[in-house]
C-alpha atoms as a PDB file:
ATOM      1  CA  MET A   1      47.313 -53.148 -89.880  1.00  0.00           C
ATOM      2  CA  ARG A   2      44.328 -52.220 -87.751  1.00  0.00           C
ATOM      3  CA  PRO A   3      44.613 -49.598 -85.050  1.00  0.00           C
ATOM      4  CA  ALA A   4      44.334 -50.857 -81.520  1.00  0.00           C
ATOM      5  CA  ALA A   5      40.914 -50.497 -79.811  1.00  0.00           C
ATOM      6  CA  PRO A   6      40.822 -48.042 -77.168  1.00  0.00           C
ATOM      7  CA  LEU A   7      40.915 -49.314 -73.600  1.00  0.00           C
ATOM      8  CA  PRO A   8      37.821 -48.937 -71.426  1.00  0.00           C
ATOM      9  CA  ALA A   9      37.620 -46.153 -69.129  1.00  0.00           C
ATOM     10  CA  SER A  10      38.575 -46.659 -65.498  1.00  0.00           C
ATOM     11  CA  ARG A  11      35.787 -46.448 -62.877  1.00  0.00           C
ATOM     12  CA  GLY A  12      35.571 -42.926 -61.576  1.00  0.00           C
ATOM     13  CA  GLY A  13      37.117 -41.074 -64.658  1.00  0.00           C
ATOM     14  CA  PRO A  14      36.527 -40.373 -68.332  1.00  0.00           C
ATOM     15  CA  ALA A  15      38.043 -42.416 -71.018  1.00  0.00           C
ATOM     16  CA  SER A  16      41.414 -41.467 -72.409  1.00  0.00           C
ATOM     17  CA  THR A  17      41.169 -39.657 -75.656  1.00  0.00           C
ATOM     18  CA  SER A  18      44.540 -40.793 -76.926  1.00  0.00           C
ATOM     19  CA  GLY A  19      43.690 -44.279 -76.977  1.00  0.00           C
ATOM     20  CA  SER A  20      46.682 -45.412 -75.354  1.00  0.00           C
ATOM     21  CA  VAL A  21      47.076 -44.385 -71.664  1.00  0.00           C
ATOM     22  CA  PRO A  22      43.907 -44.714 -69.444  1.00  0.00           C
ATOM     23  CA  ALA A  23      42.958 -41.525 -67.436  1.00  0.00           C
ATOM     24  CA  LEU A  24      43.591 -41.544 -63.720  1.00  0.00           C
ATOM     25  CA  ALA A  25      40.645 -41.265 -61.187  1.00  0.00           C
ATOM     26  CA  PRO A  26      40.637 -38.179 -58.893  1.00  0.00           C
ATOM     27  CA  PRO A  27      42.273 -38.951 -55.528  1.00  0.00           C
ATOM     28  CA  ARG A  28      39.810 -39.900 -52.650  1.00  0.00           C
ATOM     29  CA  PHE A  29      40.605 -38.587 -49.143  1.00  0.00           C
ATOM     30  CA  VAL A  30      40.056 -41.179 -46.436  1.00  0.00           C
ATOM     31  CA  ARG A  31      39.827 -40.018 -42.864  1.00  0.00           C
ATOM     32  CA  ALA A  32      42.383 -41.677 -40.733  1.00  0.00           C
ATOM     33  CA  PRO A  33      40.988 -44.205 -38.183  1.00  0.00           C
ATOM     34  CA  ARG A  34      40.794 -42.701 -34.491  1.00  0.00           C
ATOM     35  CA  PRO A  35      42.879 -44.480 -31.947  1.00  0.00           C
ATOM     36  CA  ARG A  36      40.973 -46.686 -29.569  1.00  0.00           C
ATOM     37  CA  GLY A  37      39.926 -45.103 -26.443  1.00  0.00           C
ATOM     38  CA  SER A  38      40.032 -41.639 -27.681  1.00  0.00           C
ATOM     39  CA  PRO A  39      36.902 -39.380 -26.991  1.00  0.00           C
ATOM     40  CA  PRO A  40      34.461 -38.781 -29.840  1.00  0.00           C
ATOM     41  CA  ARG A  41      34.664 -35.823 -31.897  1.00  0.00           C
ATOM     42  CA  ARG A  42      32.192 -32.883 -31.237  1.00  0.00           C
ATOM     43  CA  ALA A  43      31.501 -30.011 -33.397  1.00  0.00           C
ATOM     44  CA  ALA A  44      32.550 -26.608 -31.835  1.00  0.00           C
ATOM     45  CA  ARG A  45      29.483 -24.535 -30.499  1.00  0.00           C
ATOM     46  CA  THR A  46      29.069 -20.902 -30.519  1.00  0.00           C
ATOM     47  CA  PRO A  47      28.663 -19.497 -26.978  1.00  0.00           C
ATOM     48  CA  ARG A  48      25.160 -18.261 -26.257  1.00  0.00           C
ATOM     49  CA  ALA A  49      24.235 -15.045 -24.417  1.00  0.00           C
ATOM     50  CA  THR A  50      22.615 -15.760 -21.005  1.00  0.00           C
ATOM     51  CA  ALA A  51      18.913 -14.896 -20.518  1.00  0.00           C
ATOM     52  CA  ARG A  52      19.817 -11.852 -18.553  1.00  0.00           C
ATOM     53  CA  GLY A  53      22.059 -10.452 -21.260  1.00  0.00           C
ATOM     54  CA  GLY A  54      25.166 -12.178 -21.020  1.00  0.00           C
ATOM     55  CA  ASP A  55      28.316 -11.607 -18.980  1.00  0.00           C
ATOM     56  CA  ALA A  56      28.548  -8.091 -20.127  1.00  0.00           C
ATOM     57  CA  PHE A  57      25.345  -7.107 -18.672  1.00  0.00           C
ATOM     58  CA  ASP A  58      26.270  -8.693 -15.428  1.00  0.00           C
ATOM     59  CA  ARG A  59      29.618  -6.797 -15.232  1.00  0.00           C
ATOM     60  CA  LEU A  60      27.565  -3.641 -16.007  1.00  0.00           C
ATOM     61  CA  VAL A  61      25.154  -4.136 -13.056  1.00  0.00           C
ATOM     62  CA  ARG A  62      28.097  -4.864 -10.643  1.00  0.00           C
ATOM     63  CA  ALA A  63      29.979  -1.809 -11.834  1.00  0.00           C
ATOM     64  CA  GLN A  64      27.004   0.460 -10.949  1.00  0.00           C
ATOM     65  CA  PRO A  65      27.432   2.427  -7.600  1.00  0.00           C
ATOM     66  CA  PRO A  66      25.727   0.890  -4.345  1.00  0.00           C
ATOM     67  CA  GLU A  67      23.604   4.079  -4.042  1.00  0.00           C
ATOM     68  CA  LEU A  68      22.074   3.578  -7.529  1.00  0.00           C
ATOM     69  CA  LEU A  69      21.326  -0.083  -6.814  1.00  0.00           C
ATOM     70  CA  ALA A  70      19.660   0.750  -3.369  1.00  0.00           C
ATOM     71  CA  SER A  71      17.563   3.389  -4.918  1.00  0.00           C
ATOM     72  CA  THR A  72      16.458   1.231  -7.558  1.00  0.00           C
ATOM     73  CA  HIS A  73      15.457  -1.569  -5.108  1.00  0.00           C
ATOM     74  CA  ALA A  74      13.653   0.965  -2.890  1.00  0.00           C
ATOM     75  CA  SER A  75      11.691   2.359  -5.883  1.00  0.00           C
ATOM     76  CA  ALA A  76      10.634  -1.126  -6.840  1.00  0.00           C
ATOM     77  CA  ARG A  77       9.518  -1.893  -3.262  1.00  0.00           C
ATOM     78  CA  LEU A  78       7.401   1.343  -2.987  1.00  0.00           C
ATOM     79  CA  GLU A  79       5.628   0.712  -6.345  1.00  0.00           C
ATOM     80  CA  ALA A  80       4.799  -2.719  -5.027  1.00  0.00           C
ATOM     81  CA  LEU A  81       3.401  -1.321  -1.850  1.00  0.00           C
ATOM     82  CA  ASP A  82       1.285   1.122  -3.782  1.00  0.00           C
ATOM     83  CA  ALA A  83      -0.126  -1.433  -6.063  1.00  0.00           C
ATOM     84  CA  PHE A  84      -1.162  -3.333  -2.891  1.00  0.00           C
ATOM     85  CA  TRP A  85      -2.946  -0.582  -1.453  1.00  0.00           C
ATOM     86  CA  ARG A  86      -4.674   0.235  -4.714  1.00  0.00           C
ATOM     87  CA  ALA A  87      -5.776  -3.419  -4.860  1.00  0.00           C
ATOM     88  CA  ARG A  88      -7.060  -2.960  -1.334  1.00  0.00           C
ATOM     89  CA  GLY A  89      -9.308  -0.157  -2.420  1.00  0.00           C
ATOM     90  CA  VAL A  90      -7.281   2.879  -1.355  1.00  0.00           C
ATOM     91  CA  ARG A  91      -7.824   5.010  -4.406  1.00  0.00           C
ATOM     92  CA  GLU A  92      -6.631   8.459  -3.133  1.00  0.00           C
ATOM     93  CA  ARG A  93      -3.040   8.904  -4.063  1.00  0.00           C
ATOM     94  CA  ALA A  94      -2.782  11.302  -1.029  1.00  0.00           C
ATOM     95  CA  TYR A  95      -4.094   8.602   1.268  1.00  0.00           C
ATOM     96  CA  ARG A  96      -1.649   5.946  -0.277  1.00  0.00           C
ATOM     97  CA  GLU A  97       1.358   8.360  -0.049  1.00  0.00           C
ATOM     98  CA  ARG A  98       0.623   8.524   3.861  1.00  0.00           C
ATOM     99  CA  LEU A  99       0.635   4.766   3.841  1.00  0.00           C
ATOM    100  CA  LEU A 100       4.006   4.599   2.019  1.00  0.00           C
ATOM    101  CA  ALA A 101       5.404   6.977   4.464  1.00  0.00           C
ATOM    102  CA  HIS A 102       4.603   4.620   7.335  1.00  0.00           C
ATOM    103  CA  ALA A 103       6.463   2.026   5.351  1.00  0.00           C
ATOM    104  CA  ALA A 104       9.499   4.315   5.166  1.00  0.00           C
ATOM    105  CA  GLU A 105       9.134   4.969   8.898  1.00  0.00           C
ATOM    106  CA  ASP A 106       9.199   1.042   9.480  1.00  0.00           C
ATOM    107  CA  ASP A 107      12.279   0.636   7.534  1.00  0.00           C
ATOM    108  CA  GLY A 108      14.772  -1.036   9.772  1.00  0.00           C
ATOM    109  CA  ARG A 109      12.278  -1.872  12.552  1.00  0.00           C
ATOM    110  CA  GLU A 110      12.187  -5.454  13.693  1.00  0.00           C
ATOM    111  CA  ASP A 111       8.476  -5.500  13.012  1.00  0.00           C
ATOM    112  CA  GLU A 112       8.549  -3.860   9.493  1.00  0.00           C
ATOM    113  CA  LEU A 113       4.683  -4.134   8.916  1.00  0.00           C
ATOM    114  CA  TYR A 114       3.861  -1.419   6.552  1.00  0.00           C
ATOM    115  CA  GLY A 115       6.695  -2.392   4.221  1.00  0.00           C
ATOM    116  CA  ASP A 116       5.854  -6.172   3.837  1.00  0.00           C
ATOM    117  CA  PRO A 117       2.747  -6.620   1.433  1.00  0.00           C
ATOM    118  CA  ALA A 118       2.393 -10.288   2.725  1.00  0.00           C
ATOM    119  CA  ARG A 119       2.312  -9.252   6.432  1.00  0.00           C
ATOM    120  CA  LEU A 120       0.092  -6.298   5.814  1.00  0.00           C
ATOM    121  CA  ALA A 121      -2.424  -8.712   3.983  1.00  0.00           C
ATOM    122  CA  VAL A 122      -2.565 -10.923   7.078  1.00  0.00           C
ATOM    123  CA  ALA A 123      -3.033  -8.028   9.462  1.00  0.00           C
ATOM    124  CA  LEU A 124      -5.770  -6.393   7.369  1.00  0.00           C
ATOM    125  CA  ASP A 125      -7.715  -9.702   7.068  1.00  0.00           C
ATOM    126  CA  ARG A 126      -7.506 -10.200  10.736  1.00  0.00           C
ATOM    127  CA  LEU A 127      -8.833  -6.740  11.495  1.00  0.00           C
ATOM    128  CA  GLN A 128     -11.544  -7.129   8.994  1.00  0.00           C
ATOM    129  CA  SER A 129     -12.716 -10.095  10.723  1.00  0.00           C
ATOM    130  CA  TYR A 130     -13.985  -7.836  13.581  1.00  0.00           C
ATOM    131  CA  PHE A 131     -16.191  -5.580  11.496  1.00  0.00           C
ATOM    132  CA  PRO A 132     -18.931  -6.022   8.866  1.00  0.00           C
ATOM    133  CA  ARG A 133     -17.700  -6.477   5.414  1.00  0.00           C
ATOM    134  CA  ALA A 134     -18.962  -3.244   4.361  1.00  0.00           C
ATOM    135  CA  VAL A 135     -16.453  -1.396   6.830  1.00  0.00           C
ATOM    136  CA  ASP A 136     -13.195  -0.496   4.776  1.00  0.00           C
ATOM    137  CA  VAL A 137     -10.426  -1.404   7.070  1.00  0.00           C
ATOM    138  CA  ALA A 138      -7.737  -0.208   4.542  1.00  0.00           C
ATOM    139  CA  ALA A 139      -9.161   3.269   4.630  1.00  0.00           C
ATOM    140  CA  MET A 140      -8.991   3.169   8.440  1.00  0.00           C
ATOM    141  CA  CYS A 141      -5.255   2.447   8.303  1.00  0.00           C
ATOM    142  CA  TRP A 142      -3.987   5.773   6.826  1.00  0.00           C
ATOM    143  CA  LYS A 143      -6.091   7.680   9.575  1.00  0.00           C
ATOM    144  CA  ALA A 144      -4.570   5.532  12.489  1.00  0.00           C
ATOM    145  CA  PRO A 145      -1.770   3.315  11.542  1.00  0.00           C
ATOM    146  CA  GLY A 146      -1.362   1.926  14.772  1.00  0.00           C
ATOM    147  CA  ILE A 147      -4.441  -0.006  14.750  1.00  0.00           C
ATOM    148  CA  LEU A 148      -2.806  -2.786  12.590  1.00  0.00           C
ATOM    149  CA  ARG A 149      -0.158  -3.314  15.336  1.00  0.00           C
ATOM    150  CA  LEU A 150      -3.052  -3.938  18.008  1.00  0.00           C
ATOM    151  CA  PRO A 151      -3.101  -7.545  19.448  1.00  0.00           C
ATOM    152  CA  PRO A 152      -6.648  -9.241  18.381  1.00  0.00           C
ATOM    153  CA  LYS A 153      -7.608  -9.611  21.940  1.00  0.00           C
ATOM    154  CA  HIS A 154      -7.175  -5.749  22.300  1.00  0.00           C
ATOM    155  CA  VAL A 155      -9.476  -4.999  19.407  1.00  0.00           C
ATOM    156  CA  ALA A 156     -12.107  -7.360  20.485  1.00  0.00           C
ATOM    157  CA  ALA A 157     -12.151  -6.000  23.984  1.00  0.00           C
ATOM    158  CA  GLN A 158     -12.087  -2.415  22.754  1.00  0.00           C
ATOM    159  CA  LEU A 159     -15.031  -2.945  20.514  1.00  0.00           C
ATOM    160  CA  VAL A 160     -17.095  -4.659  23.317  1.00  0.00           C
ATOM    161  CA  SER A 161     -16.314  -1.845  25.776  1.00  0.00           C
ATOM    162  CA  LEU A 162     -17.259   0.843  23.188  1.00  0.00           C
ATOM    163  CA  ARG A 163     -20.665  -0.994  22.802  1.00  0.00           C
ATOM    164  CA  TRP A 164     -21.284  -1.233  26.464  1.00  0.00           C
ATOM    165  CA  ALA A 165     -20.211   2.562  27.093  1.00  0.00           C
ATOM    166  CA  LEU A 166     -22.165   3.832  24.009  1.00  0.00           C
ATOM    167  CA  PRO A 167     -25.174   1.531  23.828  1.00  0.00           C
ATOM    168  CA  ASP A 168     -26.984   3.792  21.484  1.00  0.00           C
ATOM    169  CA  LEU A 169     -24.340   4.401  18.986  1.00  0.00           C
ATOM    170  CA  ASP A 170     -23.498   2.298  15.747  1.00  0.00           C
ATOM    171  CA  VAL A 171     -19.937   1.450  17.083  1.00  0.00           C
ATOM    172  CA  PRO A 172     -18.534  -0.115  13.848  1.00  0.00           C
ATOM    173  CA  LYS A 173     -19.668   2.821  11.813  1.00  0.00           C
ATOM    174  CA  ILE A 174     -18.172   5.540  14.283  1.00  0.00           C
ATOM    175  CA  VAL A 175     -14.836   3.368  14.613  1.00  0.00           C
ATOM    176  CA  GLU A 176     -14.674   3.341  10.765  1.00  0.00           C
ATOM    177  CA  ALA A 177     -14.881   6.980  10.519  1.00  0.00           C
ATOM    178  CA  GLN A 178     -12.792   7.685  13.605  1.00  0.00           C
ATOM    179  CA  PRO A 179     -10.407   4.384  13.911  1.00  0.00           C
ATOM    180  CA  GLY A 180      -8.374   6.163  16.779  1.00  0.00           C
ATOM    181  CA  LEU A 181     -11.162   5.216  19.242  1.00  0.00           C
ATOM    182  CA  LEU A 182      -9.436   1.734  19.171  1.00  0.00           C
ATOM    183  CA  LEU A 183      -6.580   3.358  20.830  1.00  0.00           C
ATOM    184  CA  ARG A 184      -8.406   5.590  23.132  1.00  0.00           C
ATOM    185  CA  ASP A 185      -9.647   5.159  26.618  1.00  0.00           C
ATOM    186  CA  VAL A 186     -13.391   4.213  26.420  1.00  0.00           C
ATOM    187  CA  GLY A 187     -14.264   6.004  29.589  1.00  0.00           C
ATOM    188  CA  ALA A 188     -13.127   9.236  27.968  1.00  0.00           C
ATOM    189  CA  CYS A 189     -15.293   8.691  25.028  1.00  0.00           C
ATOM    190  CA  ALA A 190     -18.419   7.944  27.366  1.00  0.00           C
ATOM    191  CA  GLU A 191     -17.722  11.113  29.332  1.00  0.00           C
ATOM    192  CA  ALA A 192     -17.550  13.375  26.111  1.00  0.00           C
ATOM    193  CA  VAL A 193     -21.113  12.024  25.111  1.00  0.00           C
ATOM    194  CA  ALA A 194     -22.234  12.680  28.767  1.00  0.00           C
ATOM    195  CA  LEU A 195     -20.789  16.305  28.638  1.00  0.00           C
ATOM    196  CA  LEU A 196     -22.553  17.035  25.593  1.00  0.00           C
ATOM    197  CA  ARG A 197     -26.062  15.844  26.719  1.00  0.00           C
ATOM    198  CA  ARG A 198     -25.484  17.820  30.033  1.00  0.00           C
ATOM    199  CA  GLU A 199     -24.489  21.021  28.162  1.00  0.00           C
ATOM    200  CA  PHE A 200     -27.017  20.876  25.324  1.00  0.00           C
ATOM    201  CA  PRO A 201     -30.195  18.922  26.652  1.00  0.00           C
ATOM    202  CA  LEU A 202     -32.114  19.890  23.571  1.00  0.00           C
ATOM    203  CA  VAL A 203     -29.570  18.285  21.318  1.00  0.00           C
ATOM    204  CA  ASP A 204     -29.425  14.757  20.229  1.00  0.00           C
ATOM    205  CA  ALA A 205     -25.841  13.943  21.330  1.00  0.00           C
ATOM    206  CA  VAL A 206     -26.004  10.393  19.854  1.00  0.00           C
ATOM    207  CA  ALA A 207     -26.882  11.907  16.316  1.00  0.00           C
ATOM    208  CA  VAL A 208     -24.229  14.303  16.735  1.00  0.00           C
ATOM    209  CA  VAL A 209     -21.454  11.720  17.278  1.00  0.00           C
ATOM    210  CA  GLU A 210     -22.810   9.542  14.480  1.00  0.00           C
ATOM    211  CA  THR A 211     -22.696  12.592  12.206  1.00  0.00           C
ATOM    212  CA  GLU A 212     -19.389  13.853  13.446  1.00  0.00           C
ATOM    213  CA  PRO A 213     -17.375  11.023  15.128  1.00  0.00           C
ATOM    214  CA  GLY A 214     -14.557  13.320  15.360  1.00  0.00           C
ATOM    215  CA  VAL A 215     -15.979  14.964  18.376  1.00  0.00           C
ATOM    216  CA  LEU A 216     -14.877  11.704  20.424  1.00  0.00           C
ATOM    217  CA  ALA A 217     -11.289  12.059  19.194  1.00  0.00           C
ATOM    218  CA  GLU A 218      -8.716  12.875  22.026  1.00  0.00           C
ATOM    219  CA  GLU A 219      -7.506  15.894  20.145  1.00  0.00           C
ATOM    220  CA  CYS A 220     -11.135  17.349  20.043  1.00  0.00           C
ATOM    221  CA  ASP A 221     -11.238  17.666  23.927  1.00  0.00           C
ATOM    222  CA  VAL A 222     -14.957  18.195  24.420  1.00  0.00           C
ATOM    223  CA  ARG A 223     -14.492  19.315  27.996  1.00  0.00           C
ATOM    224  CA  ALA A 224     -12.104  22.249  27.099  1.00  0.00           C
ATOM    225  CA  ARG A 225     -14.364  23.253  24.125  1.00  0.00           C
ATOM    226  CA  ILE A 226     -17.409  23.481  26.452  1.00  0.00           C
ATOM    227  CA  GLU A 227     -15.499  25.550  28.923  1.00  0.00           C
ATOM    228  CA  ARG A 228     -14.523  28.104  26.120  1.00  0.00           C
ATOM    229  CA  LEU A 229     -18.234  28.295  25.177  1.00  0.00           C
ATOM    230  CA  ARG A 230     -19.253  28.949  28.816  1.00  0.00           C
ATOM    231  CA  GLU A 231     -16.710  31.682  29.066  1.00  0.00           C
ATOM    232  CA  ALA A 232     -17.867  33.324  25.788  1.00  0.00           C
ATOM    233  CA  ARG A 233     -21.356  33.090  26.856  1.00  0.00           C
ATOM    234  CA  ALA A 234     -20.710  34.782  30.223  1.00  0.00           C
ATOM    235  CA  ASN A 235     -18.918  37.684  28.502  1.00  0.00           C
ATOM    236  CA  GLY A 236     -21.572  38.165  25.839  1.00  0.00           C
ATOM    237  CA  ARG A 237     -19.323  37.071  22.932  1.00  0.00           C
ATOM    238  CA  LEU A 238     -21.268  33.939  21.933  1.00  0.00           C
ATOM    239  CA  SER A 239     -22.445  34.166  18.470  1.00  0.00           C
ATOM    240  CA  PRO A 240     -26.338  33.793  17.704  1.00  0.00           C
ATOM    241  CA  SER A 241     -25.524  30.602  15.952  1.00  0.00           C
ATOM    242  CA  ALA A 242     -24.058  28.949  19.022  1.00  0.00           C
ATOM    243  CA  GLU A 243     -26.797  30.629  21.288  1.00  0.00           C
ATOM    244  CA  MET A 244     -29.665  29.046  19.604  1.00  0.00           C
ATOM    245  CA  PHE A 245     -28.518  25.471  20.847  1.00  0.00           C
ATOM    246  CA  TYR A 246     -28.746  26.732  24.413  1.00  0.00           C
ATOM    247  CA  ASP A 247     -32.027  28.485  24.018  1.00  0.00           C
ATOM    248  CA  GLY A 248     -33.716  25.964  21.640  1.00  0.00           C
ATOM    249  CA  GLU A 249     -34.973  28.564  19.277  1.00  0.00           C
ATOM    250  CA  GLY A 250     -35.362  27.658  15.702  1.00  0.00           C
ATOM    251  CA  LEU A 251     -34.797  24.274  14.203  1.00  0.00           C
ATOM    252  CA  GLY A 252     -31.029  24.232  14.843  1.00  0.00           C
ATOM    253  CA  CYS A 253     -31.287  21.976  17.672  1.00  0.00           C
ATOM    254  CA  ALA A 254     -32.790  18.986  15.386  1.00  0.00           C
ATOM    255  CA  ASN A 255     -29.999  19.284  12.860  1.00  0.00           C
ATOM    256  CA  PRO A 256     -27.102  17.290  14.320  1.00  0.00           C
ATOM    257  CA  ALA A 257     -24.659  18.259  11.555  1.00  0.00           C
ATOM    258  CA  LEU A 258     -25.268  21.968  11.857  1.00  0.00           C
ATOM    259  CA  PHE A 259     -24.768  21.498  15.650  1.00  0.00           C
ATOM    260  CA  ALA A 260     -21.342  19.884  15.039  1.00  0.00           C
ATOM    261  CA  LYS A 261     -20.213  22.439  12.612  1.00  0.00           C
ATOM    262  CA  VAL A 262     -21.091  25.454  15.031  1.00  0.00           C
ATOM    263  CA  PHE A 263     -19.785  23.528  18.192  1.00  0.00           C
ATOM    264  CA  LEU A 264     -16.354  22.885  16.586  1.00  0.00           C
ATOM    265  CA  GLU A 265     -15.979  26.224  15.042  1.00  0.00           C
ATOM    266  CA  GLU A 266     -17.208  28.372  18.001  1.00  0.00           C
ATOM    267  CA  SER A 267     -15.266  26.485  20.497  1.00  0.00           C
ATOM    268  CA  ARG A 268     -11.749  26.583  18.845  1.00  0.00           C
ATOM    269  CA  SER A 269      -8.750  27.283  20.810  1.00  0.00           C
ATOM    270  CA  LYS A 270      -6.424  30.414  19.764  1.00  0.00           C
ATOM    271  CA  ALA A 271      -4.078  27.988  18.186  1.00  0.00           C
ATOM    272  CA  GLU A 272      -6.708  26.363  16.199  1.00  0.00           C
ATOM    273  CA  ALA A 273      -8.159  29.683  15.038  1.00  0.00           C
ATOM    274  CA  TYR A 274      -4.627  30.761  14.107  1.00  0.00           C
ATOM    275  CA  GLU A 275      -3.834  27.635  12.192  1.00  0.00           C
ATOM    276  CA  CYS A 276      -7.248  28.017  10.251  1.00  0.00           C
ATOM    277  CA  ASP A 277      -6.561  31.776   9.520  1.00  0.00           C
ATOM    278  CA  GLN A 278      -3.157  30.824   7.979  1.00  0.00           C
ATOM    279  CA  ARG A 279      -4.574  28.012   6.025  1.00  0.00           C
ATOM    280  CA  CYS A 280      -7.255  30.482   4.671  1.00  0.00           C
ATOM    281  CA  GLY A 281      -4.776  33.026   3.747  1.00  0.00           C
END
């Protein structure tokens, strides 16, 4: 009797080796159907850190004392202002520090001009419109910060008055060197030039002012200086360097820079002389 032929292997599994019982296919797992109306399944997402460093960073910032946050903000503000003045051509650090000091003084004021770069840019451009392009109005601000707060009509009127009172002078040039003249009485400036001409007729007073515009400053007080020189000359205490500008001897009268130097030194008040001695050691 012949042995029975082996049964064919079932689909999905190997054929039986015994020849009698077919091998079972591995179980297949079927996903149960979702009930109707249920939301679609979504893969779980790993939470990402925010662009600022996540919630942990935010909590760390909030945990800092208010004094530290205020100090950080003030430091960033001063850096922005310093960069603004550098971009405007104020290269000397000492001059920029003076301008930053004005920003600190403006802190809390209603018109916080020196602490706002946008307002500063507008005010500087407006002031520049009254001067030739070669005049550096940014450099004028650390000398006389009040000029940026002047109304445009005042600036225009002051420049016209200075040109009328001092017709022989290059007004934009002397105002650039001595911007406080925009704040000073024009009549006092004209009087200072007239006093120099009357006291030293052999000296070119116009050339002296253009060489040293500081003689027109209010703190210079030309009238008081001339009175001190007269007193020293009457008492025989006037130096030969100053005497030559009265006598007209030598070439000193033709040198406005030399006259300005001698005039300012020889006519110093006692307070100025003391302060100079203290600085010189």
